[in-house]
């Protein structure tokens, strides 16, 4: 009954296409990271701390005891 359905070649093709797609994405990200210039690396490594964050409400409100 299932002899007419040939999925082995199609499944192997989809697997290879998915692997090469994922590998090309990872290689392109690594290539961009390797080629990044030093000033950009220094800017990005401190990115979360580049802007001052406002204090939380519970830090400034001293009227409520803990």
Protein backbone atom coordinates (compact mmCIF):
# COMPACT_ATOMS: atom_id res chain seq x y z
CA UNK A 1 0.00 0.00 0.00
CA UNK A 2 2.77 2.46 0.90
CA UNK A 3 5.10 1.38 -1.89
CA UNK A 4 3.73 4.08 -4.15
CA UNK A 5 4.61 6.82 -1.66
CA UNK A 6 8.27 7.71 -2.00
CA UNK A 7 9.18 10.06 0.83
CA UNK A 8 12.77 9.07 1.53
CA UNK A 9 14.33 11.32 -1.10
CA UNK A 10 12.03 14.22 -0.29
CA UNK A 11 12.68 13.94 3.45
CA UNK A 12 16.43 13.82 2.88
CA UNK A 13 16.21 16.87 0.61
CA UNK A 14 14.22 18.87 3.17
CA UNK A 15 16.65 17.85 5.91
CA UNK A 16 19.63 19.00 3.89
CA UNK A 17 17.97 22.28 2.91
CA UNK A 18 17.08 22.98 6.56
CA UNK A 19 20.62 22.16 7.69
CA UNK A 20 22.26 24.39 5.09
CA UNK A 21 19.83 27.21 5.85
CA UNK A 22 20.57 27.07 9.59
CA UNK A 23 24.31 26.67 9.00
CA UNK A 24 24.40 29.66 6.65
CA UNK A 25 22.60 31.82 9.23
CA UNK A 26 25.06 30.87 11.98
CA UNK A 27 28.07 31.34 9.70
CA UNK A 28 26.88 34.76 8.57
CA UNK A 29 26.33 35.89 12.19
CA UNK A 30 29.78 34.62 13.18
CA UNK A 31 31.37 36.30 10.14
CA UNK A 32 29.79 39.65 11.04
CA UNK A 33 30.93 39.29 14.66
CA UNK A 34 34.50 38.46 13.60
CA UNK A 35 34.69 41.42 11.21
CA UNK A 36 33.27 43.90 13.74
CA UNK A 37 35.52 46.86 14.46
CA UNK A 38 36.82 47.53 17.99
CA UNK A 39 34.81 50.77 18.61
CA UNK A 40 31.60 49.00 17.70
CA UNK A 41 32.46 46.08 20.01
CA UNK A 42 33.10 48.49 22.87
CA UNK A 43 29.83 50.29 22.21
CA UNK A 44 27.82 47.07 22.06
CA UNK A 45 29.38 45.47 25.13
CA UNK A 46 28.08 48.33 27.30
CA UNK A 47 24.77 48.68 25.49
CA UNK A 48 22.39 47.78 28.34
CA UNK A 49 24.10 50.35 30.56
CA UNK A 50 24.39 53.14 27.98
CA UNK A 51 21.32 55.03 29.26
CA UNK A 52 20.41 55.78 32.84
CA UNK A 53 17.33 53.93 34.02
CA UNK A 54 14.86 55.64 36.34
CA UNK A 55 14.59 54.31 39.87
CA UNK A 56 11.76 51.96 40.71
CA UNK A 57 8.70 53.29 42.51
CA UNK A 58 9.39 51.29 45.65
CA UNK A 59 12.89 52.79 45.91
CA UNK A 60 11.64 56.38 46.10
CA UNK A 61 8.47 55.81 48.12
CA UNK A 62 9.50 55.65 51.80
CA UNK A 63 6.00 56.13 53.24
CA UNK A 64 5.17 52.41 53.15
CA UNK A 65 7.17 50.22 55.55
CA UNK A 66 8.26 46.83 54.34
